[in-house]
Amino acid sequence: MLMLTVFILAYGVPAYSLLYGVQKFSWHIPRAILNLAYWQIFGELEVLGDIESITFFLSKFRFYFSIF
């Protein structure tokens, strides 16, 4: 169980920070990190919608500034 927890945290912290960036600390963030990592590792791919929406927003943002 300890190895599973270490693996989930080792995957979850970088994945969460890449998806959501810097946020003000609250006690809900550790739970969100664990939920995100656990469900991504074990098959809940609903998070792909979040990833696609963030990627779409960034592509629109880059296109807007490439015009100028």
C-alpha atoms as a PDB file:
ATOM      1  CA  MET A   1       0.000   0.000   0.000  1.00  0.00           C
ATOM      2  CA  LEU A   2       2.872   2.346   0.763  1.00  0.00           C
ATOM      3  CA  MET A   3       4.391   1.765  -2.680  1.00  0.00           C
ATOM      4  CA  LEU A   4       1.055   2.497  -4.321  1.00  0.00           C
ATOM      5  CA  THR A   5       0.721   5.745  -2.380  1.00  0.00           C
ATOM      6  CA  VAL A   6       4.250   6.826  -3.302  1.00  0.00           C
ATOM      7  CA  PHE A   7       3.630   6.025  -6.972  1.00  0.00           C
ATOM      8  CA  ILE A   8       0.315   7.886  -7.033  1.00  0.00           C
ATOM      9  CA  LEU A   9       1.865  10.954  -5.403  1.00  0.00           C
ATOM     10  CA  ALA A  10       4.919  10.815  -7.677  1.00  0.00           C
ATOM     11  CA  TYR A  11       2.632  10.831 -10.700  1.00  0.00           C
ATOM     12  CA  GLY A  12      -0.096  13.082  -9.343  1.00  0.00           C
ATOM     13  CA  VAL A  13       1.876  16.112  -8.225  1.00  0.00           C
ATOM     14  CA  PRO A  14       3.522  16.828 -11.611  1.00  0.00           C
ATOM     15  CA  ALA A  15       0.365  15.934 -13.552  1.00  0.00           C
ATOM     16  CA  TYR A  16      -1.777  18.262 -11.434  1.00  0.00           C
ATOM     17  CA  SER A  17       0.734  21.101 -11.653  1.00  0.00           C
ATOM     18  CA  LEU A  18       0.973  20.782 -15.444  1.00  0.00           C
ATOM     19  CA  LEU A  19      -2.811  20.811 -15.819  1.00  0.00           C
ATOM     20  CA  TYR A  20      -3.774  23.510 -13.345  1.00  0.00           C
ATOM     21  CA  GLY A  21      -0.592  25.536 -12.767  1.00  0.00           C
ATOM     22  CA  VAL A  22       0.168  27.509  -9.639  1.00  0.00           C
ATOM     23  CA  GLN A  23      -2.707  27.828  -7.208  1.00  0.00           C
ATOM     24  CA  LYS A  24      -3.041  29.246  -3.745  1.00  0.00           C
ATOM     25  CA  PHE A  25      -2.729  26.416  -1.227  1.00  0.00           C
ATOM     26  CA  SER A  26      -5.845  25.036   0.337  1.00  0.00           C
ATOM     27  CA  TRP A  27      -6.507  21.704   1.993  1.00  0.00           C
ATOM     28  CA  HIS A  28      -8.586  20.594  -0.990  1.00  0.00           C
ATOM     29  CA  ILE A  29      -5.576  20.454  -3.324  1.00  0.00           C
ATOM     30  CA  PRO A  30      -3.992  17.282  -1.836  1.00  0.00           C
ATOM     31  CA  ARG A  31      -7.289  15.451  -2.226  1.00  0.00           C
ATOM     32  CA  ALA A  32      -7.661  16.727  -5.784  1.00  0.00           C
ATOM     33  CA  ILE A  33      -4.130  15.520  -6.567  1.00  0.00           C
ATOM     34  CA  LEU A  34      -4.860  12.061  -5.195  1.00  0.00           C
ATOM     35  CA  ASN A  35      -8.190  11.828  -7.036  1.00  0.00           C
ATOM     36  CA  LEU A  36      -6.721  12.997 -10.320  1.00  0.00           C
ATOM     37  CA  ALA A  37      -3.771  10.594 -10.199  1.00  0.00           C
ATOM     38  CA  TYR A  38      -5.748   7.607  -8.964  1.00  0.00           C
ATOM     39  CA  TRP A  39      -8.485   7.868 -11.564  1.00  0.00           C
ATOM     40  CA  GLN A  40      -6.044   8.552 -14.395  1.00  0.00           C
ATOM     41  CA  ILE A  41      -3.929   5.530 -13.483  1.00  0.00           C
ATOM     42  CA  PHE A  42      -6.844   3.155 -12.982  1.00  0.00           C
ATOM     43  CA  GLY A  43      -8.949   3.988 -15.987  1.00  0.00           C
ATOM     44  CA  GLU A  44     -11.297   6.923 -15.451  1.00  0.00           C
ATOM     45  CA  LEU A  45     -10.553   8.994 -18.512  1.00  0.00           C
ATOM     46  CA  GLU A  46     -13.026  11.764 -17.819  1.00  0.00           C
ATOM     47  CA  VAL A  47     -10.049  14.004 -17.105  1.00  0.00           C
ATOM     48  CA  LEU A  48      -9.240  13.979 -20.820  1.00  0.00           C
ATOM     49  CA  GLY A  49     -11.994  16.540 -21.281  1.00  0.00           C
ATOM     50  CA  ASP A  50     -10.155  18.903 -18.937  1.00  0.00           C
ATOM     51  CA  ILE A  51      -6.897  18.349 -20.779  1.00  0.00           C
ATOM     52  CA  GLU A  52      -8.505  18.967 -24.163  1.00  0.00           C
ATOM     53  CA  SER A  53     -10.240  22.139 -22.986  1.00  0.00           C
ATOM     54  CA  ILE A  54      -7.001  23.534 -21.540  1.00  0.00           C
ATOM     55  CA  THR A  55      -5.119  22.658 -24.735  1.00  0.00           C
ATOM     56  CA  PHE A  56      -7.838  24.265 -26.882  1.00  0.00           C
ATOM     57  CA  PHE A  57      -7.725  27.442 -24.780  1.00  0.00           C
ATOM     58  CA  LEU A  58      -3.928  27.636 -25.050  1.00  0.00           C
ATOM     59  CA  SER A  59      -4.015  27.101 -28.804  1.00  0.00           C
ATOM     60  CA  LYS A  60      -6.521  29.969 -29.180  1.00  0.00           C
ATOM     61  CA  PHE A  61      -4.342  32.127 -26.925  1.00  0.00           C
ATOM     62  CA  ARG A  62      -1.208  31.396 -28.990  1.00  0.00           C
ATOM     63  CA  PHE A  63      -3.072  32.056 -32.249  1.00  0.00           C
ATOM     64  CA  TYR A  64      -4.312  35.401 -30.961  1.00  0.00           C
ATOM     65  CA  PHE A  65      -0.788  36.565 -30.122  1.00  0.00           C
ATOM     66  CA  SER A  66       0.745  35.146 -33.290  1.00  0.00           C
ATOM     67  CA  ILE A  67      -1.440  37.516 -35.318  1.00  0.00           C
ATOM     68  CA  PHE A  68       0.144  40.569 -33.723  1.00  0.00           C
END
